[in-house]
C-alpha atoms as a PDB file:
ATOM      1  CA  MET A   1     -15.343 109.014  95.431  1.00  0.00           C
ATOM      2  CA  ALA A   2     -12.834 110.107  92.895  1.00  0.00           C
ATOM      3  CA  HIS A   3     -13.930 112.545  90.171  1.00  0.00           C
ATOM      4  CA  ASP A   4     -13.943 111.531  86.599  1.00  0.00           C
ATOM      5  CA  VAL A   5     -10.837 113.519  84.519  1.00  0.00           C
ATOM      6  CA  ASP A   6     -11.102 113.861  80.841  1.00  0.00           C
ATOM      7  CA  GLN A   7      -8.253 112.260  79.124  1.00  0.00           C
ATOM      8  CA  PRO A   8      -6.185 114.927  77.131  1.00  0.00           C
ATOM      9  CA  SER A   9      -7.024 115.317  73.100  1.00  0.00           C
ATOM     10  CA  LYS A  10      -4.333 116.001  70.549  1.00  0.00           C
ATOM     11  CA  HIS A  11      -4.252 119.402  69.008  1.00  0.00           C
ATOM     12  CA  SER A  12      -6.121 119.476  65.748  1.00  0.00           C
ATOM     13  CA  VAL A  13      -4.235 120.504  62.561  1.00  0.00           C
ATOM     14  CA  VAL A  14      -5.784 124.192  62.796  1.00  0.00           C
ATOM     15  CA  GLU A  15      -5.024 124.334  66.450  1.00  0.00           C
ATOM     16  CA  ASP A  16      -1.450 123.387  65.763  1.00  0.00           C
ATOM     17  CA  ALA A  17      -1.067 126.079  62.917  1.00  0.00           C
ATOM     18  CA  GLN A  18      -2.562 128.579  65.212  1.00  0.00           C
ATOM     19  CA  GLY A  19      -0.124 127.650  67.654  1.00  0.00           C
ATOM     20  CA  LEU A  20       2.875 127.798  65.323  1.00  0.00           C
ATOM     21  CA  LEU A  21       1.993 131.169  63.728  1.00  0.00           C
ATOM     22  CA  PHE A  22       1.230 132.466  66.850  1.00  0.00           C
ATOM     23  CA  GLY A  23       4.450 131.416  68.627  1.00  0.00           C
ATOM     24  CA  THR A  24       6.792 132.343  66.097  1.00  0.00           C
ATOM     25  CA  PHE A  25       5.076 135.656  65.329  1.00  0.00           C
ATOM     26  CA  ILE A  26       5.276 136.832  69.042  1.00  0.00           C
ATOM     27  CA  CYS A  27       9.168 135.403  69.220  1.00  0.00           C
ATOM     28  CA  SER A  28       9.850 137.568  66.014  1.00  0.00           C
ATOM     29  CA  ALA A  29       8.260 140.725  67.630  1.00  0.00           C
ATOM     30  CA  SER A  30      10.098 140.002  70.671  1.00  0.00           C
ATOM     31  CA  LEU A  31      13.598 139.757  68.653  1.00  0.00           C
ATOM     32  CA  VAL A  32      12.839 143.140  66.656  1.00  0.00           C
ATOM     33  CA  LEU A  33      12.781 144.753  70.440  1.00  0.00           C
ATOM     34  CA  LEU A  34      15.746 142.826  71.243  1.00  0.00           C
ATOM     35  CA  THR A  35      17.579 144.031  68.323  1.00  0.00           C
ATOM     36  CA  HIS A  36      16.351 147.481  68.372  1.00  0.00           C
ATOM     37  CA  LEU A  37      17.825 147.936  72.040  1.00  0.00           C
ATOM     38  CA  GLY A  38      21.088 146.178  70.892  1.00  0.00           C
ATOM     39  CA  LEU A  39      20.862 143.454  73.388  1.00  0.00           C
ATOM     40  CA  VAL A  40      21.357 139.438  72.960  1.00  0.00           C
ATOM     41  CA  THR A  41      20.029 136.383  74.370  1.00  0.00           C
ATOM     42  CA  GLY A  42      20.975 132.671  74.830  1.00  0.00           C
ATOM     43  CA  GLN A  43      20.165 129.609  73.015  1.00  0.00           C
ATOM     44  CA  THR A  44      20.195 129.408  69.093  1.00  0.00           C
ATOM     45  CA  ALA A  45      18.503 132.589  68.522  1.00  0.00           C
ATOM     46  CA  GLY A  46      21.022 134.594  70.500  1.00  0.00           C
ATOM     47  CA  LEU A  47      23.825 133.019  68.777  1.00  0.00           C
ATOM     48  CA  ALA A  48      22.409 134.210  65.485  1.00  0.00           C
ATOM     49  CA  VAL A  49      21.603 137.596  66.981  1.00  0.00           C
ATOM     50  CA  LEU A  50      25.533 137.639  67.830  1.00  0.00           C
ATOM     51  CA  ILE A  51      26.896 136.724  64.779  1.00  0.00           C
ATOM     52  CA  SER A  52      24.478 139.281  63.055  1.00  0.00           C
ATOM     53  CA  TYR A  53      25.735 141.941  64.987  1.00  0.00           C
ATOM     54  CA  ILE A  54      29.144 140.798  64.606  1.00  0.00           C
ATOM     55  CA  GLY A  55      29.042 139.915  60.612  1.00  0.00           C
ATOM     56  CA  GLY A  56      26.365 142.556  59.722  1.00  0.00           C
ATOM     57  CA  TRP A  57      24.219 139.718  58.316  1.00  0.00           C
ATOM     58  CA  SER A  58      20.727 139.232  58.179  1.00  0.00           C
ATOM     59  CA  PHE A  59      19.225 137.806  61.351  1.00  0.00           C
ATOM     60  CA  GLY A  60      16.856 135.586  59.771  1.00  0.00           C
ATOM     61  CA  THR A  61      19.015 134.171  57.563  1.00  0.00           C
ATOM     62  CA  VAL A  62      21.940 133.198  60.019  1.00  0.00           C
ATOM     63  CA  PHE A  63      18.902 131.734  62.082  1.00  0.00           C
ATOM     64  CA  PHE A  64      17.718 129.440  59.446  1.00  0.00           C
ATOM     65  CA  LEU A  65      21.302 128.448  58.624  1.00  0.00           C
ATOM     66  CA  ILE A  66      22.372 127.737  62.174  1.00  0.00           C
ATOM     67  CA  ASN A  67      19.545 125.171  62.421  1.00  0.00           C
ATOM     68  CA  LEU A  68      20.122 123.320  59.403  1.00  0.00           C
ATOM     69  CA  PRO A  69      22.881 120.820  61.131  1.00  0.00           C
ATOM     70  CA  PHE A  70      20.286 119.650  63.699  1.00  0.00           C
ATOM     71  CA  TYR A  71      17.467 118.551  61.895  1.00  0.00           C
ATOM     72  CA  TRP A  72      18.867 115.061  61.482  1.00  0.00           C
ATOM     73  CA  LEU A  73      19.672 114.929  65.575  1.00  0.00           C
ATOM     74  CA  ALA A  74      15.833 116.083  65.924  1.00  0.00           C
ATOM     75  CA  TYR A  75      14.704 113.570  63.826  1.00  0.00           C
ATOM     76  CA  LYS A  76      16.619 110.581  65.468  1.00  0.00           C
ATOM     77  CA  ARG A  77      16.056 112.443  69.007  1.00  0.00           C
ATOM     78  CA  MET A  78      12.352 113.627  68.960  1.00  0.00           C
ATOM     79  CA  GLY A  79      10.756 111.805  65.202  1.00  0.00           C
ATOM     80  CA  LEU A  80       9.569 112.990  62.415  1.00  0.00           C
ATOM     81  CA  ARG A  81       6.370 115.146  63.751  1.00  0.00           C
ATOM     82  CA  PHE A  82       8.574 117.122  65.853  1.00  0.00           C
ATOM     83  CA  THR A  83      11.129 117.635  63.213  1.00  0.00           C
ATOM     84  CA  LEU A  84       8.837 119.097  60.587  1.00  0.00           C
ATOM     85  CA  LYS A  85       6.898 121.119  63.237  1.00  0.00           C
ATOM     86  CA  THR A  86      10.286 122.728  64.283  1.00  0.00           C
ATOM     87  CA  PHE A  87      11.646 123.143  60.753  1.00  0.00           C
ATOM     88  CA  LEU A  88       8.093 125.195  59.785  1.00  0.00           C
ATOM     89  CA  ALA A  89       8.519 127.222  62.943  1.00  0.00           C
ATOM     90  CA  VAL A  90      12.417 128.192  62.439  1.00  0.00           C
ATOM     91  CA  GLY A  91      11.437 129.175  58.756  1.00  0.00           C
ATOM     92  CA  LEU A  92       7.997 131.116  59.812  1.00  0.00           C
ATOM     93  CA  LEU A  93      10.438 132.935  62.607  1.00  0.00           C
ATOM     94  CA  SER A  94      13.207 133.477  59.762  1.00  0.00           C
ATOM     95  CA  GLY A  95      10.578 134.894  57.591  1.00  0.00           C
ATOM     96  CA  PHE A  96       8.860 137.189  60.193  1.00  0.00           C
ATOM     97  CA  SER A  97      12.027 138.357  61.100  1.00  0.00           C
ATOM     98  CA  GLU A  98      12.851 139.717  57.289  1.00  0.00           C
ATOM     99  CA  VAL A  99       9.410 141.512  57.504  1.00  0.00           C
ATOM    100  CA  LEU A 100       8.383 142.839  60.651  1.00  0.00           C
ATOM    101  CA  PRO A 101      11.101 145.388  60.947  1.00  0.00           C
ATOM    102  CA  ASN A 102       9.764 146.734  57.815  1.00  0.00           C
ATOM    103  CA  VAL A 103       6.528 147.599  59.669  1.00  0.00           C
ATOM    104  CA  LEU A 104       7.414 147.411  63.251  1.00  0.00           C
ATOM    105  CA  SER A 105       9.101 149.942  65.268  1.00  0.00           C
ATOM    106  CA  PHE A 106       9.933 151.159  68.838  1.00  0.00           C
ATOM    107  CA  GLY A 107      10.782 154.401  70.195  1.00  0.00           C
ATOM    108  CA  ASP A 108      12.861 155.255  73.320  1.00  0.00           C
ATOM    109  CA  ILE A 109      12.610 152.061  75.609  1.00  0.00           C
ATOM    110  CA  ASN A 110      14.479 151.928  78.986  1.00  0.00           C
ATOM    111  CA  PRO A 111      17.076 148.695  77.888  1.00  0.00           C
ATOM    112  CA  TRP A 112      16.166 147.427  81.393  1.00  0.00           C
ATOM    113  CA  VAL A 113      12.119 147.446  80.967  1.00  0.00           C
ATOM    114  CA  GLY A 114      12.775 146.450  77.303  1.00  0.00           C
ATOM    115  CA  ALA A 115      14.747 143.412  78.470  1.00  0.00           C
ATOM    116  CA  ILE A 116      11.953 142.016  80.896  1.00  0.00           C
ATOM    117  CA  LEU A 117       9.300 142.815  78.019  1.00  0.00           C
ATOM    118  CA  PHE A 118      11.578 141.071  75.395  1.00  0.00           C
ATOM    119  CA  GLY A 119      11.546 137.815  78.055  1.00  0.00           C
ATOM    120  CA  CYS A 120       7.921 138.053  78.729  1.00  0.00           C
ATOM    121  CA  MET A 121       7.090 137.993  74.847  1.00  0.00           C
ATOM    122  CA  ALA A 122       9.797 135.389  73.834  1.00  0.00           C
ATOM    123  CA  GLY A 123       8.480 133.029  76.762  1.00  0.00           C
ATOM    124  CA  ALA A 124       5.192 133.192  75.893  1.00  0.00           C
ATOM    125  CA  GLY A 125       5.928 132.633  72.124  1.00  0.00           C
ATOM    126  CA  LEU A 126       8.254 129.548  73.336  1.00  0.00           C
ATOM    127  CA  LEU A 127       5.518 128.077  75.528  1.00  0.00           C
ATOM    128  CA  ALA A 128       2.957 127.955  72.531  1.00  0.00           C
ATOM    129  CA  LEU A 129       5.866 126.175  70.105  1.00  0.00           C
ATOM    130  CA  PHE A 130       6.516 123.701  72.877  1.00  0.00           C
ATOM    131  CA  ARG A 131       2.710 122.958  73.576  1.00  0.00           C
ATOM    132  CA  HIS A 132       2.070 122.471  69.983  1.00  0.00           C
ATOM    133  CA  GLY A 133       5.114 120.133  69.438  1.00  0.00           C
ATOM    134  CA  ALA A 134       7.720 122.127  68.053  1.00  0.00           C
ATOM    135  CA  SER A 135      10.778 124.175  69.082  1.00  0.00           C
ATOM    136  CA  LEU A 136      13.170 126.943  67.672  1.00  0.00           C
ATOM    137  CA  GLY A 137      16.519 125.038  67.835  1.00  0.00           C
ATOM    138  CA  GLY A 138      19.369 123.558  67.243  1.00  0.00           C
ATOM    139  CA  ILE A 139      21.148 124.069  70.462  1.00  0.00           C
ATOM    140  CA  GLY A 140      18.128 122.523  72.756  1.00  0.00           C
ATOM    141  CA  ILE A 141      18.300 119.579  70.382  1.00  0.00           C
ATOM    142  CA  LEU A 142      22.161 119.061  70.544  1.00  0.00           C
ATOM    143  CA  ALA A 143      22.091 119.372  74.249  1.00  0.00           C
ATOM    144  CA  LEU A 144      19.324 116.606  74.463  1.00  0.00           C
ATOM    145  CA  TYR A 145      21.133 114.092  71.878  1.00  0.00           C
ATOM    146  CA  ILE A 146      24.401 114.641  74.077  1.00  0.00           C
ATOM    147  CA  GLN A 147      22.525 113.699  77.001  1.00  0.00           C
ATOM    148  CA  ASP A 148      21.432 110.583  75.397  1.00  0.00           C
ATOM    149  CA  ARG A 149      25.221 109.540  74.475  1.00  0.00           C
ATOM    150  CA  THR A 150      27.076 110.623  77.230  1.00  0.00           C
ATOM    151  CA  ASP A 151      24.758 111.172  80.166  1.00  0.00           C
ATOM    152  CA  PHE A 152      25.839 114.868  80.469  1.00  0.00           C
ATOM    153  CA  ARG A 153      22.849 116.615  81.427  1.00  0.00           C
ATOM    154  CA  ALA A 154      21.073 118.793  78.835  1.00  0.00           C
ATOM    155  CA  GLY A 155      20.800 121.936  80.857  1.00  0.00           C
ATOM    156  CA  TRP A 156      24.484 122.036  81.643  1.00  0.00           C
ATOM    157  CA  THR A 157      25.164 121.703  77.868  1.00  0.00           C
ATOM    158  CA  GLN A 158      22.646 124.707  77.302  1.00  0.00           C
ATOM    159  CA  LEU A 159      24.229 126.821  80.311  1.00  0.00           C
ATOM    160  CA  ILE A 160      27.823 126.606  79.007  1.00  0.00           C
ATOM    161  CA  ILE A 161      26.689 127.420  75.404  1.00  0.00           C
ATOM    162  CA  ASP A 162      24.622 130.425  76.934  1.00  0.00           C
ATOM    163  CA  ALA A 163      27.849 131.389  78.991  1.00  0.00           C
ATOM    164  CA  GLY A 164      30.233 131.643  76.025  1.00  0.00           C
ATOM    165  CA  ILE A 165      27.279 133.385  74.350  1.00  0.00           C
ATOM    166  CA  PHE A 166      27.349 136.408  76.731  1.00  0.00           C
ATOM    167  CA  ILE A 167      31.490 136.164  77.263  1.00  0.00           C
ATOM    168  CA  VAL A 168      31.686 136.722  73.523  1.00  0.00           C
ATOM    169  CA  ALA A 169      28.978 139.489  73.742  1.00  0.00           C
ATOM    170  CA  ALA A 170      30.872 141.310  76.915  1.00  0.00           C
ATOM    171  CA  PHE A 171      33.879 141.543  74.184  1.00  0.00           C
ATOM    172  CA  VAL A 172      31.715 143.556  71.882  1.00  0.00           C
ATOM    173  CA  LEU A 173      29.140 145.122  73.588  1.00  0.00           C
ATOM    174  CA  PRO A 174      28.825 147.647  76.297  1.00  0.00           C
ATOM    175  CA  PRO A 175      29.022 146.078  80.098  1.00  0.00           C
ATOM    176  CA  MET A 176      25.456 147.603  80.578  1.00  0.00           C
ATOM    177  CA  ILE A 177      24.179 145.897  77.660  1.00  0.00           C
ATOM    178  CA  VAL A 178      25.448 142.671  78.691  1.00  0.00           C
ATOM    179  CA  LEU A 179      23.605 142.984  82.006  1.00  0.00           C
ATOM    180  CA  ALA A 180      20.474 144.074  80.582  1.00  0.00           C
ATOM    181  CA  SER A 181      20.778 141.174  78.225  1.00  0.00           C
ATOM    182  CA  LEU A 182      21.366 138.495  81.026  1.00  0.00           C
ATOM    183  CA  LEU A 183      18.377 139.779  82.746  1.00  0.00           C
ATOM    184  CA  GLY A 184      15.887 139.209  79.404  1.00  0.00           C
ATOM    185  CA  ALA A 185      17.558 135.697  79.259  1.00  0.00           C
ATOM    186  CA  VAL A 186      16.497 135.273  82.969  1.00  0.00           C
ATOM    187  CA  VAL A 187      13.024 136.258  82.171  1.00  0.00           C
ATOM    188  CA  VAL A 188      12.465 133.951  79.172  1.00  0.00           C
ATOM    189  CA  ASN A 189      14.009 131.038  81.307  1.00  0.00           C
ATOM    190  CA  LEU A 190      11.623 131.829  84.296  1.00  0.00           C
ATOM    191  CA  VAL A 191       8.686 131.977  82.215  1.00  0.00           C
ATOM    192  CA  ILE A 192       9.546 128.786  80.744  1.00  0.00           C
ATOM    193  CA  ALA A 193      10.273 127.071  84.026  1.00  0.00           C
ATOM    194  CA  ILE A 194       7.207 128.169  85.930  1.00  0.00           C
ATOM    195  CA  ASN A 195       4.780 127.827  82.994  1.00  0.00           C
ATOM    196  CA  HIS A 196       5.874 124.750  80.908  1.00  0.00           C
ATOM    197  CA  ARG A 197       4.643 121.810  83.031  1.00  0.00           C
ATOM    198  CA  LYS A 198       3.221 118.483  81.992  1.00  0.00           C
ATOM    199  CA  ASP A 199       1.836 117.912  85.501  1.00  0.00           C
ATOM    200  CA  ARG A 200      -0.674 120.947  84.996  1.00  0.00           C
ATOM    201  CA  TYR A 201      -1.211 121.314  81.361  1.00  0.00           C
ATOM    202  CA  LEU A 202      -3.009 118.399  79.756  1.00  0.00           C
ATOM    203  CA  GLY A 203      -3.166 118.716  76.051  1.00  0.00           C
ATOM    204  CA  THR A 204      -0.364 117.531  73.520  1.00  0.00           C
END
């Protein structure tokens, strides 16, 4: 006889607020570590980090501005609820990224260990955001939009953009820093790929 399985229920407003705050706070802390080590990463955050390195601008400001053109695509592809949550998450991350460096600092950290720690922290933060119906960015949304319009797989679009970020990084950062950055990006993606499974996570 089959066992009864409780139907998944939606998160409450309080649960969503906790998820967004936790996810953005942990991701912000991971970015403080990343920039302390002079590393880069992929996706929209990685592009903002690289631009902030090259131009000397604030990461939080660059990250917020980069995401602005993508909200219309998010609305068309994911709906109003997802778009509003993503806008809030991006705003929180941008704000935390301005404040945290003033109250959080790191000493000497091996860049390889730091890259792994960054990947674990960022992956955990992103999982929280995904499971509460939000994201941190434009490149993933753009990739899904291109897939809808052209059937070109979103994963390939993200891979191409990430490759471009790391190619540019190779011209402005030391080779070992770029390699350590790649390790961090791999860890982030592994954490998400292994743990973000709709067939195992029932909440929405």
